[in-house]
Amino acid sequence: MVDGGVQFPMLSDQGGKIGSLYGVYDEEAGTENRGRFLIDPDGVVQGYEVLTPPVGRNVDETVRQVKAFQLVREAAGSEATPSGWQPGKKTLKPGPELVGNVWKEWNVKDNYGK
């Protein structure tokens, strides 16, 4: 599916041991649902998405989320990323005053160019 082949190691989970741990292995079918797990350097799952086989994943969204998690981690909790955030766009300052007021701080037009 990629000219020149995949440029990173691929793993196989024959028998579904890893898939069972993450809850994506279908023992009856002997296959795993498509799962994507974002795990931070401390080994904590920060995000995941599980899709049944007929629906493909969005690699651009995965990359966006990885970048958002990296920014939030580097900011040590002083920044949050709104829905659809892209690198270089405005972040939010988390806190009780933000609850229910995200719309005041984050403008769709500014972040999506619409």
PDB file of N, CA and C in Angstrom:
ATOM      1  N   MET A   1       0.799  -1.196   0.000  1.00  0.00           N
ATOM      2  CA  MET A   1       0.000   0.000   0.000  1.00  0.00           C
ATOM      3  C   MET A   1       0.849   1.270   0.000  1.00  0.00           C
ATOM      4  N   VAL A   2       2.161   1.125   0.232  1.00  0.00           N
ATOM      5  CA  VAL A   2       3.052   2.275   0.254  1.00  0.00           C
ATOM      6  C   VAL A   2       4.194   2.002  -0.713  1.00  0.00           C
ATOM      7  N   ASP A   3       4.447   2.933  -1.661  1.00  0.00           N
ATOM      8  CA  ASP A   3       5.567   2.758  -2.580  1.00  0.00           C
ATOM      9  C   ASP A   3       6.856   2.592  -1.796  1.00  0.00           C
ATOM     10  N   GLY A   4       7.617   1.568  -2.102  1.00  0.00           N
ATOM     11  CA  GLY A   4       8.876   1.319  -1.412  1.00  0.00           C
ATOM     12  C   GLY A   4       8.717   0.585  -0.099  1.00  0.00           C
ATOM     13  N   GLY A   5       7.497   0.238   0.269  1.00  0.00           N
ATOM     14  CA  GLY A   5       7.253  -0.501   1.501  1.00  0.00           C
ATOM     15  C   GLY A   5       7.128   0.397   2.715  1.00  0.00           C
ATOM     16  N   VAL A   6       6.722  -0.187   3.799  1.00  0.00           N
ATOM     17  CA  VAL A   6       6.563   0.540   5.061  1.00  0.00           C
ATOM     18  C   VAL A   6       7.949   0.812   5.635  1.00  0.00           C
ATOM     19  N   GLN A   7       8.175   2.040   6.083  1.00  0.00           N
ATOM     20  CA  GLN A   7       9.502   2.466   6.529  1.00  0.00           C
ATOM     21  C   GLN A   7       9.743   2.262   8.026  1.00  0.00           C
ATOM     22  N   PHE A   8       8.951   1.408   8.657  1.00  0.00           N
ATOM     23  CA  PHE A   8       9.128   1.136  10.086  1.00  0.00           C
ATOM     24  C   PHE A   8       8.745  -0.314  10.344  1.00  0.00           C
ATOM     25  N   PRO A   9       9.231  -0.885  11.455  1.00  0.00           N
ATOM     26  CA  PRO A   9       8.934  -2.289  11.750  1.00  0.00           C
ATOM     27  C   PRO A   9       7.436  -2.506  11.998  1.00  0.00           C
ATOM     28  N   MET A  10       6.940  -3.607  11.513  1.00  0.00           N
ATOM     29  CA  MET A  10       5.553  -4.001  11.750  1.00  0.00           C
ATOM     30  C   MET A  10       5.578  -5.243  12.640  1.00  0.00           C
ATOM     31  N   LEU A  11       4.588  -5.380  13.485  1.00  0.00           N
ATOM     32  CA  LEU A  11       4.496  -6.518  14.386  1.00  0.00           C
ATOM     33  C   LEU A  11       3.275  -7.348  14.047  1.00  0.00           C
ATOM     34  N   SER A  12       3.319  -8.598  14.430  1.00  0.00           N
ATOM     35  CA  SER A  12       2.174  -9.480  14.254  1.00  0.00           C
ATOM     36  C   SER A  12       1.768  -9.999  15.627  1.00  0.00           C
ATOM     37  N   ASP A  13       0.476 -10.120  15.850  1.00  0.00           N
ATOM     38  CA  ASP A  13      -0.046 -10.580  17.141  1.00  0.00           C
ATOM     39  C   ASP A  13      -0.803 -11.899  16.945  1.00  0.00           C
ATOM     40  N   GLN A  14      -0.101 -12.881  16.428  1.00  0.00           N
ATOM     41  CA  GLN A  14      -0.740 -14.179  16.217  1.00  0.00           C
ATOM     42  C   GLN A  14      -1.231 -14.729  17.546  1.00  0.00           C
ATOM     43  N   GLY A  15      -2.479 -15.138  17.576  1.00  0.00           N
ATOM     44  CA  GLY A  15      -3.073 -15.651  18.797  1.00  0.00           C
ATOM     45  C   GLY A  15      -3.776 -14.585  19.614  1.00  0.00           C
ATOM     46  N   GLY A  16      -3.559 -13.320  19.286  1.00  0.00           N
ATOM     47  CA  GLY A  16      -4.292 -12.235  19.918  1.00  0.00           C
ATOM     48  C   GLY A  16      -3.932 -11.916  21.353  1.00  0.00           C
ATOM     49  N   LYS A  17      -2.727 -12.227  21.796  1.00  0.00           N
ATOM     50  CA  LYS A  17      -2.357 -11.953  23.197  1.00  0.00           C
ATOM     51  C   LYS A  17      -2.377 -10.454  23.512  1.00  0.00           C
ATOM     52  N   ILE A  18      -1.761  -9.654  22.650  1.00  0.00           N
ATOM     53  CA  ILE A  18      -1.730  -8.209  22.895  1.00  0.00           C
ATOM     54  C   ILE A  18      -3.115  -7.614  22.665  1.00  0.00           C
ATOM     55  N   GLY A  19      -3.778  -8.046  21.594  1.00  0.00           N
ATOM     56  CA  GLY A  19      -5.125  -7.555  21.308  1.00  0.00           C
ATOM     57  C   GLY A  19      -6.091  -7.854  22.441  1.00  0.00           C
ATOM     58  N   SER A  20      -5.935  -8.995  23.082  1.00  0.00           N
ATOM     59  CA  SER A  20      -6.791  -9.340  24.224  1.00  0.00           C
ATOM     60  C   SER A  20      -6.555  -8.382  25.383  1.00  0.00           C
ATOM     61  N   LEU A  21      -5.296  -8.019  25.614  1.00  0.00           N
ATOM     62  CA  LEU A  21      -4.979  -7.079  26.695  1.00  0.00           C
ATOM     63  C   LEU A  21      -5.638  -5.723  26.472  1.00  0.00           C
ATOM     64  N   TYR A  22      -5.719  -5.310  25.218  1.00  0.00           N
ATOM     65  CA  TYR A  22      -6.300  -4.008  24.887  1.00  0.00           C
ATOM     66  C   TYR A  22      -7.774  -4.088  24.513  1.00  0.00           C
ATOM     67  N   GLY A  23      -8.351  -5.270  24.565  1.00  0.00           N
ATOM     68  CA  GLY A  23      -9.779  -5.429  24.323  1.00  0.00           C
ATOM     69  C   GLY A  23     -10.211  -5.330  22.875  1.00  0.00           C
ATOM     70  N   VAL A  24      -9.309  -5.604  21.936  1.00  0.00           N
ATOM     71  CA  VAL A  24      -9.674  -5.501  20.529  1.00  0.00           C
ATOM     72  C   VAL A  24      -9.682  -6.858  19.815  1.00  0.00           C
ATOM     73  N   TYR A  25      -9.314  -7.912  20.519  1.00  0.00           N
ATOM     74  CA  TYR A  25      -9.253  -9.236  19.889  1.00  0.00           C
ATOM     75  C   TYR A  25     -10.621  -9.905  19.911  1.00  0.00           C
ATOM     76  N   ASP A  26     -11.063 -10.351  18.755  1.00  0.00           N
ATOM     77  CA  ASP A  26     -12.322 -11.081  18.611  1.00  0.00           C
ATOM     78  C   ASP A  26     -11.970 -12.560  18.546  1.00  0.00           C
ATOM     79  N   GLU A  27     -12.079 -13.225  19.675  1.00  0.00           N
ATOM     80  CA  GLU A  27     -11.665 -14.619  19.772  1.00  0.00           C
ATOM     81  C   GLU A  27     -12.437 -15.524  18.818  1.00  0.00           C
ATOM     82  N   GLU A  28     -13.730 -15.280  18.683  1.00  0.00           N
ATOM     83  CA  GLU A  28     -14.563 -16.096  17.806  1.00  0.00           C
ATOM     84  C   GLU A  28     -14.107 -16.007  16.346  1.00  0.00           C
ATOM     85  N   ALA A  29     -13.785 -14.802  15.900  1.00  0.00           N
ATOM     86  CA  ALA A  29     -13.345 -14.605  14.516  1.00  0.00           C
ATOM     87  C   ALA A  29     -11.843 -14.857  14.352  1.00  0.00           C
ATOM     88  N   GLY A  30     -11.116 -14.827  15.464  1.00  0.00           N
ATOM     89  CA  GLY A  30      -9.670 -15.016  15.399  1.00  0.00           C
ATOM     90  C   GLY A  30      -8.940 -13.823  14.814  1.00  0.00           C
ATOM     91  N   THR A  31      -9.561 -12.652  14.904  1.00  0.00           N
ATOM     92  CA  THR A  31      -8.955 -11.428  14.369  1.00  0.00           C
ATOM     93  C   THR A  31      -9.092 -10.296  15.389  1.00  0.00           C
ATOM     94  N   GLU A  32      -8.422  -9.222  15.092  1.00  0.00           N
ATOM     95  CA  GLU A  32      -8.510  -8.042  15.950  1.00  0.00           C
ATOM     96  C   GLU A  32      -9.199  -6.906  15.204  1.00  0.00           C
ATOM     97  N   ASN A  33      -9.998  -6.143  15.937  1.00  0.00           N
ATOM     98  CA  ASN A  33     -10.530  -4.907  15.375  1.00  0.00           C
ATOM     99  C   ASN A  33      -9.375  -3.938  15.246  1.00  0.00           C
ATOM    100  N   ARG A  34      -9.524  -2.983  14.343  1.00  0.00           N
ATOM    101  CA  ARG A  34      -8.463  -1.995  14.156  1.00  0.00           C
ATOM    102  C   ARG A  34      -8.396  -1.105  15.385  1.00  0.00           C
ATOM    103  N   GLY A  35      -7.250  -1.093  16.012  1.00  0.00           N
ATOM    104  CA  GLY A  35      -7.074  -0.284  17.206  1.00  0.00           C
ATOM    105  C   GLY A  35      -5.841   0.581  17.103  1.00  0.00           C
ATOM    106  N   ARG A  36      -5.938   1.793  17.615  1.00  0.00           N
ATOM    107  CA  ARG A  36      -4.815   2.715  17.676  1.00  0.00           C
ATOM    108  C   ARG A  36      -4.728   3.203  19.109  1.00  0.00           C
ATOM    109  N   PHE A  37      -3.569   3.021  19.715  1.00  0.00           N
ATOM    110  CA  PHE A  37      -3.371   3.387  21.110  1.00  0.00           C
ATOM    111  C   PHE A  37      -2.201   4.352  21.205  1.00  0.00           C
ATOM    112  N   LEU A  38      -2.435   5.509  21.795  1.00  0.00           N
ATOM    113  CA  LEU A  38      -1.380   6.497  21.979  1.00  0.00           C
ATOM    114  C   LEU A  38      -0.883   6.365  23.416  1.00  0.00           C
ATOM    115  N   ILE A  39       0.357   5.923  23.542  1.00  0.00           N
ATOM    116  CA  ILE A  39       0.940   5.614  24.844  1.00  0.00           C
ATOM    117  C   ILE A  39       2.097   6.575  25.088  1.00  0.00           C
ATOM    118  N   ASP A  40       2.069   7.271  26.228  1.00  0.00           N
ATOM    119  CA  ASP A  40       3.107   8.265  26.510  1.00  0.00           C
ATOM    120  C   ASP A  40       4.399   7.587  26.968  1.00  0.00           C
ATOM    121  N   PRO A  41       5.480   8.347  27.104  1.00  0.00           N
ATOM    122  CA  PRO A  41       6.768   7.759  27.499  1.00  0.00           C
ATOM    123  C   PRO A  41       6.742   7.068  28.867  1.00  0.00           C
ATOM    124  N   ASP A  42       5.741   7.374  29.698  1.00  0.00           N
ATOM    125  CA  ASP A  42       5.615   6.717  30.993  1.00  0.00           C
ATOM    126  C   ASP A  42       4.809   5.425  30.909  1.00  0.00           C
ATOM    127  N   GLY A  43       4.352   5.075  29.695  1.00  0.00           N
ATOM    128  CA  GLY A  43       3.581   3.851  29.507  1.00  0.00           C
ATOM    129  C   GLY A  43       2.096   4.005  29.778  1.00  0.00           C
ATOM    130  N   VAL A  44       1.605   5.241  29.874  1.00  0.00           N
ATOM    131  CA  VAL A  44       0.193   5.501  30.154  1.00  0.00           C
ATOM    132  C   VAL A  44      -0.555   5.715  28.831  1.00  0.00           C
ATOM    133  N   VAL A  45      -1.645   4.999  28.635  1.00  0.00           N
ATOM    134  CA  VAL A  45      -2.464   5.191  27.442  1.00  0.00           C
ATOM    135  C   VAL A  45      -3.158   6.544  27.560  1.00  0.00           C
ATOM    136  N   GLN A  46      -2.857   7.448  26.642  1.00  0.00           N
ATOM    137  CA  GLN A  46      -3.431   8.792  26.647  1.00  0.00           C
ATOM    138  C   GLN A  46      -4.637   8.900  25.724  1.00  0.00           C
ATOM    139  N   GLY A  47      -4.699   8.050  24.706  1.00  0.00           N
ATOM    140  CA  GLY A  47      -5.816   8.086  23.773  1.00  0.00           C
ATOM    141  C   GLY A  47      -5.893   6.775  23.020  1.00  0.00           C
ATOM    142  N   TYR A  48      -7.082   6.452  22.565  1.00  0.00           N
ATOM    143  CA  TYR A  48      -7.234   5.253  21.747  1.00  0.00           C
ATOM    144  C   TYR A  48      -8.466   5.376  20.875  1.00  0.00           C
ATOM    145  N   GLU A  49      -8.454   4.608  19.804  1.00  0.00           N
ATOM    146  CA  GLU A  49      -9.575   4.541  18.881  1.00  0.00           C
ATOM    147  C   GLU A  49      -9.661   3.109  18.393  1.00  0.00           C
ATOM    148  N   VAL A  50     -10.843   2.544  18.412  1.00  0.00           N
ATOM    149  CA  VAL A  50     -11.054   1.172  17.948  1.00  0.00           C
ATOM    150  C   VAL A  50     -12.149   1.205  16.893  1.00  0.00           C
ATOM    151  N   LEU A  51     -11.842   0.676  15.729  1.00  0.00           N
ATOM    152  CA  LEU A  51     -12.787   0.642  14.622  1.00  0.00           C
ATOM    153  C   LEU A  51     -12.968  -0.788  14.130  1.00  0.00           C
ATOM    154  N   THR A  52     -14.155  -1.104  13.673  1.00  0.00           N
ATOM    155  CA  THR A  52     -14.371  -2.422  13.071  1.00  0.00           C
ATOM    156  C   THR A  52     -13.727  -2.430  11.683  1.00  0.00           C
ATOM    157  N   PRO A  53     -13.414  -3.602  11.145  1.00  0.00           N
ATOM    158  CA  PRO A  53     -12.650  -3.694   9.894  1.00  0.00           C
ATOM    159  C   PRO A  53     -13.164  -2.891   8.698  1.00  0.00           C
ATOM    160  N   PRO A  54     -14.468  -2.671   8.503  1.00  0.00           N
ATOM    161  CA  PRO A  54     -14.870  -1.950   7.289  1.00  0.00           C
ATOM    162  C   PRO A  54     -14.531  -0.457   7.280  1.00  0.00           C
ATOM    163  N   VAL A  55     -14.124   0.105   8.414  1.00  0.00           N
ATOM    164  CA  VAL A  55     -13.875   1.550   8.491  1.00  0.00           C
ATOM    165  C   VAL A  55     -12.378   1.803   8.706  1.00  0.00           C
ATOM    166  N   GLY A  56     -11.807   2.632   7.842  1.00  0.00           N
ATOM    167  CA  GLY A  56     -10.384   2.943   7.933  1.00  0.00           C
ATOM    168  C   GLY A  56     -10.098   4.052   8.920  1.00  0.00           C
ATOM    169  N   ARG A  57      -8.840   4.143   9.301  1.00  0.00           N
ATOM    170  CA  ARG A  57      -8.405   5.177  10.234  1.00  0.00           C
ATOM    171  C   ARG A  57      -7.886   6.388   9.482  1.00  0.00           C
ATOM    172  N   ASN A  58      -7.755   7.505  10.186  1.00  0.00           N
ATOM    173  CA  ASN A  58      -7.269   8.738   9.595  1.00  0.00           C
ATOM    174  C   ASN A  58      -5.876   9.022  10.162  1.00  0.00           C
ATOM    175  N   VAL A  59      -4.857   8.807   9.363  1.00  0.00           N
ATOM    176  CA  VAL A  59      -3.481   8.982   9.822  1.00  0.00           C
ATOM    177  C   VAL A  59      -3.210  10.440  10.185  1.00  0.00           C
ATOM    178  N   ASP A  60      -3.770  11.381   9.409  1.00  0.00           N
ATOM    179  CA  ASP A  60      -3.556  12.800   9.726  1.00  0.00           C
ATOM    180  C   ASP A  60      -4.078  13.133  11.118  1.00  0.00           C
ATOM    181  N   GLU A  61      -5.223  12.576  11.490  1.00  0.00           N
ATOM    182  CA  GLU A  61      -5.780  12.827  12.823  1.00  0.00           C
ATOM    183  C   GLU A  61      -4.900  12.203  13.901  1.00  0.00           C
ATOM    184  N   THR A  62      -4.352  11.036  13.628  1.00  0.00           N
ATOM    185  CA  THR A  62      -3.451  10.403  14.596  1.00  0.00           C
ATOM    186  C   THR A  62      -2.225  11.279  14.825  1.00  0.00           C
ATOM    187  N   VAL A  63      -1.633  11.777  13.755  1.00  0.00           N
ATOM    188  CA  VAL A  63      -0.447  12.643  13.872  1.00  0.00           C
ATOM    189  C   VAL A  63      -0.802  13.920  14.631  1.00  0.00           C
ATOM    190  N   ARG A  64      -1.972  14.506  14.322  1.00  0.00           N
ATOM    191  CA  ARG A  64      -2.413  15.714  15.029  1.00  0.00           C
ATOM    192  C   ARG A  64      -2.531  15.454  16.524  1.00  0.00           C
ATOM    193  N   GLN A  65      -3.114  14.317  16.887  1.00  0.00           N
ATOM    194  CA  GLN A  65      -3.279  13.998  18.300  1.00  0.00           C
ATOM    195  C   GLN A  65      -1.938  13.761  18.983  1.00  0.00           C
ATOM    196  N   VAL A  66      -1.015  13.084  18.315  1.00  0.00           N
ATOM    197  CA  VAL A  66       0.316  12.874  18.901  1.00  0.00           C
ATOM    198  C   VAL A  66       0.973  14.223  19.180  1.00  0.00           C
ATOM    199  N   LYS A  67       0.899  15.146  18.223  1.00  0.00           N
ATOM    200  CA  LYS A  67       1.487  16.476  18.415  1.00  0.00           C
ATOM    201  C   LYS A  67       0.805  17.223  19.561  1.00  0.00           C
ATOM    202  N   ALA A  68      -0.510  17.085  19.664  1.00  0.00           N
ATOM    203  CA  ALA A  68      -1.234  17.741  20.760  1.00  0.00           C
ATOM    204  C   ALA A  68      -0.815  17.154  22.107  1.00  0.00           C
ATOM    205  N   PHE A  69      -0.721  15.835  22.192  1.00  0.00           N
ATOM    206  CA  PHE A  69      -0.294  15.212  23.450  1.00  0.00           C
ATOM    207  C   PHE A  69       1.130  15.625  23.805  1.00  0.00           C
ATOM    208  N   GLN A  70       2.000  15.737  22.808  1.00  0.00           N
ATOM    209  CA  GLN A  70       3.373  16.169  23.071  1.00  0.00           C
ATOM    210  C   GLN A  70       3.398  17.597  23.620  1.00  0.00           C
ATOM    211  N   LEU A  71       2.626  18.494  23.010  1.00  0.00           N
ATOM    212  CA  LEU A  71       2.575  19.875  23.473  1.00  0.00           C
ATOM    213  C   LEU A  71       2.064  19.951  24.909  1.00  0.00           C
ATOM    214  N   VAL A  72       0.984  19.243  25.183  1.00  0.00           N
ATOM    215  CA  VAL A  72       0.396  19.263  26.527  1.00  0.00           C
ATOM    216  C   VAL A  72       1.384  18.711  27.553  1.00  0.00           C
ATOM    217  N   ARG A  73       2.082  17.644  27.174  1.00  0.00           N
ATOM    218  CA  ARG A  73       3.067  17.056  28.089  1.00  0.00           C
ATOM    219  C   ARG A  73       4.210  18.029  28.365  1.00  0.00           C
ATOM    220  N   GLU A  74       4.721  18.669  27.303  1.00  0.00           N
ATOM    221  CA  GLU A  74       5.817  19.625  27.461  1.00  0.00           C
ATOM    222  C   GLU A  74       5.378  20.838  28.289  1.00  0.00           C
ATOM    223  N   ALA A  75       4.113  21.213  28.193  1.00  0.00           N
ATOM    224  CA  ALA A  75       3.590  22.367  28.932  1.00  0.00           C
ATOM    225  C   ALA A  75       3.285  22.028  30.385  1.00  0.00           C
ATOM    226  N   ALA A  76       3.409  20.769  30.744  1.00  0.00           N
ATOM    227  CA  ALA A  76       3.194  20.315  32.127  1.00  0.00           C
ATOM    228  C   ALA A  76       1.855  20.775  32.700  1.00  0.00           C
ATOM    229  N   GLY A  77       0.816  20.712  31.872  1.00  0.00           N
ATOM    230  CA  GLY A  77      -0.519  21.035  32.359  1.00  0.00           C
ATOM    231  C   GLY A  77      -0.919  22.492  32.249  1.00  0.00           C
ATOM    232  N   SER A  78      -0.038  23.343  31.712  1.00  0.00           N
ATOM    233  CA  SER A  78      -0.377  24.764  31.602  1.00  0.00           C
ATOM    234  C   SER A  78      -1.081  25.115  30.295  1.00  0.00           C
ATOM    235  N   GLU A  79      -1.186  24.147  29.377  1.00  0.00           N
ATOM    236  CA  GLU A  79      -1.878  24.370  28.112  1.00  0.00           C
ATOM    237  C   GLU A  79      -2.755  23.169  27.787  1.00  0.00           C
ATOM    238  N   ALA A  80      -3.846  23.439  27.078  1.00  0.00           N
ATOM    239  CA  ALA A  80      -4.736  22.397  26.583  1.00  0.00           C
ATOM    240  C   ALA A  80      -5.025  22.698  25.119  1.00  0.00           C
ATOM    241  N   THR A  81      -5.335  21.670  24.361  1.00  0.00           N
ATOM    242  CA  THR A  81      -5.625  21.875  22.945  1.00  0.00           C
ATOM    243  C   THR A  81      -7.106  21.614  22.687  1.00  0.00           C
ATOM    244  N   PRO A  82      -7.788  22.566  22.037  1.00  0.00           N
ATOM    245  CA  PRO A  82      -9.202  22.375  21.733  1.00  0.00           C
ATOM    246  C   PRO A  82      -9.399  21.392  20.581  1.00  0.00           C
ATOM    247  N   SER A  83     -10.624  21.036  20.333  1.00  0.00           N
ATOM    248  CA  SER A  83     -10.978  20.146  19.240  1.00  0.00           C
ATOM    249  C   SER A  83     -10.417  20.668  17.924  1.00  0.00           C
ATOM    250  N   GLY A  84      -9.763  19.799  17.174  1.00  0.00           N
ATOM    251  CA  GLY A  84      -9.238  20.179  15.875  1.00  0.00           C
ATOM    252  C   GLY A  84      -7.977  21.018  15.912  1.00  0.00           C
ATOM    253  N   TRP A  85      -7.412  21.238  17.093  1.00  0.00           N
ATOM    254  CA  TRP A  85      -6.198  22.051  17.228  1.00  0.00           C
ATOM    255  C   TRP A  85      -5.114  21.564  16.274  1.00  0.00           C
ATOM    256  N   GLN A  86      -4.369  22.505  15.715  1.00  0.00           N
ATOM    257  CA  GLN A  86      -3.220  22.210  14.864  1.00  0.00           C
ATOM    258  C   GLN A  86      -1.999  22.934  15.420  1.00  0.00           C
ATOM    259  N   PRO A  87      -0.793  22.383  15.227  1.00  0.00           N
ATOM    260  CA  PRO A  87       0.410  23.065  15.695  1.00  0.00           C
ATOM    261  C   PRO A  87       0.458  24.501  15.177  1.00  0.00           C
ATOM    262  N   GLY A  88       0.830  25.414  16.061  1.00  0.00           N
ATOM    263  CA  GLY A  88       0.910  26.820  15.725  1.00  0.00           C
ATOM    264  C   GLY A  88      -0.375  27.579  15.991  1.00  0.00           C
ATOM    265  N   LYS A  89      -1.457  26.865  16.244  1.00  0.00           N
ATOM    266  CA  LYS A  89      -2.731  27.518  16.534  1.00  0.00           C
ATOM    267  C   LYS A  89      -2.847  27.767  18.036  1.00  0.00           C
ATOM    268  N   LYS A  90      -3.824  28.562  18.411  1.00  0.00           N
ATOM    269  CA  LYS A  90      -4.040  28.950  19.803  1.00  0.00           C
ATOM    270  C   LYS A  90      -4.347  27.730  20.673  1.00  0.00           C
ATOM    271  N   THR A  91      -3.758  27.743  21.856  1.00  0.00           N
ATOM    272  CA  THR A  91      -4.082  26.737  22.863  1.00  0.00           C
ATOM    273  C   THR A  91      -4.943  27.390  23.939  1.00  0.00           C
ATOM    274  N   LEU A  92      -5.390  26.590  24.867  1.00  0.00           N
ATOM    275  CA  LEU A  92      -6.214  27.084  25.961  1.00  0.00           C
ATOM    276  C   LEU A  92      -5.459  26.920  27.273  1.00  0.00           C
ATOM    277  N   LYS A  93      -5.776  27.762  28.226  1.00  0.00           N
ATOM    278  CA  LYS A  93      -5.197  27.666  29.567  1.00  0.00           C
ATOM    279  C   LYS A  93      -6.212  26.939  30.445  1.00  0.00           C
ATOM    280  N   PRO A  94      -5.907  25.711  30.849  1.00  0.00           N
ATOM    281  CA  PRO A  94      -6.884  24.959  31.639  1.00  0.00           C
ATOM    282  C   PRO A  94      -7.112  25.562  33.014  1.00  0.00           C
ATOM    283  N   GLY A  95      -8.307  25.378  33.526  1.00  0.00           N
ATOM    284  CA  GLY A  95      -8.662  25.854  34.850  1.00  0.00           C
ATOM    285  C   GLY A  95     -10.159  25.918  35.002  1.00  0.00           C
ATOM    286  N   PRO A  96     -10.635  26.098  36.225  1.00  0.00           N
ATOM    287  CA  PRO A  96     -12.082  26.124  36.474  1.00  0.00           C
ATOM    288  C   PRO A  96     -12.813  27.203  35.672  1.00  0.00           C
ATOM    289  N   GLU A  97     -12.151  28.336  35.419  1.00  0.00           N
ATOM    290  CA  GLU A  97     -12.805  29.415  34.682  1.00  0.00           C
ATOM    291  C   GLU A  97     -13.046  29.067  33.208  1.00  0.00           C
ATOM    292  N   LEU A  98     -12.354  28.045  32.699  1.00  0.00           N
ATOM    293  CA  LEU A  98     -12.530  27.638  31.302  1.00  0.00           C
ATOM    294  C   LEU A  98     -13.767  26.771  31.113  1.00  0.00           C
ATOM    295  N   VAL A  99     -14.189  26.088  32.172  1.00  0.00           N
ATOM    296  CA  VAL A  99     -15.338  25.184  32.082  1.00  0.00           C
ATOM    297  C   VAL A  99     -16.580  25.964  31.644  1.00  0.00           C
ATOM    298  N   GLY A 100     -17.164  25.547  30.547  1.00  0.00           N
ATOM    299  CA  GLY A 100     -18.349  26.199  30.007  1.00  0.00           C
ATOM    300  C   GLY A 100     -18.061  27.476  29.233  1.00  0.00           C
ATOM    301  N   ASN A 101     -16.782  27.849  29.136  1.00  0.00           N
ATOM    302  CA  ASN A 101     -16.419  29.096  28.470  1.00  0.00           C
ATOM    303  C   ASN A 101     -15.425  28.911  27.329  1.00  0.00           C
ATOM    304  N   VAL A 102     -15.227  27.683  26.885  1.00  0.00           N
ATOM    305  CA  VAL A 102     -14.277  27.445  25.795  1.00  0.00           C
ATOM    306  C   VAL A 102     -14.646  28.285  24.589  1.00  0.00           C
ATOM    307  N   TRP A 103     -15.923  28.409  24.308  1.00  0.00           N
ATOM    308  CA  TRP A 103     -16.383  29.177  23.148  1.00  0.00           C
ATOM    309  C   TRP A 103     -15.932  30.626  23.188  1.00  0.00           C
ATOM    310  N   LYS A 104     -15.712  31.184  24.374  1.00  0.00           N
ATOM    311  CA  LYS A 104     -15.256  32.570  24.494  1.00  0.00           C
ATOM    312  C   LYS A 104     -13.766  32.691  24.149  1.00  0.00           C
ATOM    313  N   GLU A 105     -13.034  31.622  24.405  1.00  0.00           N
ATOM    314  CA  GLU A 105     -11.583  31.635  24.233  1.00  0.00           C
ATOM    315  C   GLU A 105     -11.126  31.150  22.859  1.00  0.00           C
ATOM    316  N   TRP A 106     -11.930  30.279  22.256  1.00  0.00           N
ATOM    317  CA  TRP A 106     -11.495  29.605  21.033  1.00  0.00           C
ATOM    318  C   TRP A 106     -12.484  29.878  19.923  1.00  0.00           C
ATOM    319  N   ASN A 107     -11.999  30.436  18.840  1.00  0.00           N
ATOM    320  CA  ASN A 107     -12.827  30.823  17.723  1.00  0.00           C
ATOM    321  C   ASN A 107     -12.598  29.863  16.561  1.00  0.00           C
ATOM    322  N   VAL A 108     -13.653  29.243  16.080  1.00  0.00           N
ATOM    323  CA  VAL A 108     -13.538  28.289  14.970  1.00  0.00           C
ATOM    324  C   VAL A 108     -12.898  28.954  13.744  1.00  0.00           C
ATOM    325  N   LYS A 109     -13.290  30.177  13.439  1.00  0.00           N
ATOM    326  CA  LYS A 109     -12.754  30.873  12.276  1.00  0.00           C
ATOM    327  C   LYS A 109     -11.230  31.036  12.381  1.00  0.00           C
ATOM    328  N   ASP A 110     -10.743  31.382  13.553  1.00  0.00           N
ATOM    329  CA  ASP A 110      -9.310  31.566  13.753  1.00  0.00           C
ATOM    330  C   ASP A 110      -8.536  30.266  13.619  1.00  0.00           C
ATOM    331  N   ASN A 111      -9.172  29.167  13.999  1.00  0.00           N
ATOM    332  CA  ASN A 111      -8.454  27.896  14.018  1.00  0.00           C
ATOM    333  C   ASN A 111      -8.685  27.046  12.786  1.00  0.00           C
ATOM    334  N   TYR A 112      -9.745  27.275  12.048  1.00  0.00           N
ATOM    335  CA  TYR A 112     -10.025  26.484  10.847  1.00  0.00           C
ATOM    336  C   TYR A 112     -10.011  27.325   9.583  1.00  0.00           C
ATOM    337  N   GLY A 113      -9.945  28.634   9.735  1.00  0.00           N
ATOM    338  CA  GLY A 113      -9.908  29.506   8.576  1.00  0.00           C
ATOM    339  C   GLY A 113     -11.226  29.587   7.823  1.00  0.00           C
ATOM    340  N   LYS A 114     -12.331  29.275   8.485  1.00  0.00           N
ATOM    341  CA  LYS A 114     -13.642  29.309   7.828  1.00  0.00           C
ATOM    342  C   LYS A 114     -14.337  30.620   8.092  1.00  0.00           C
TER     343      LYS A 114
END
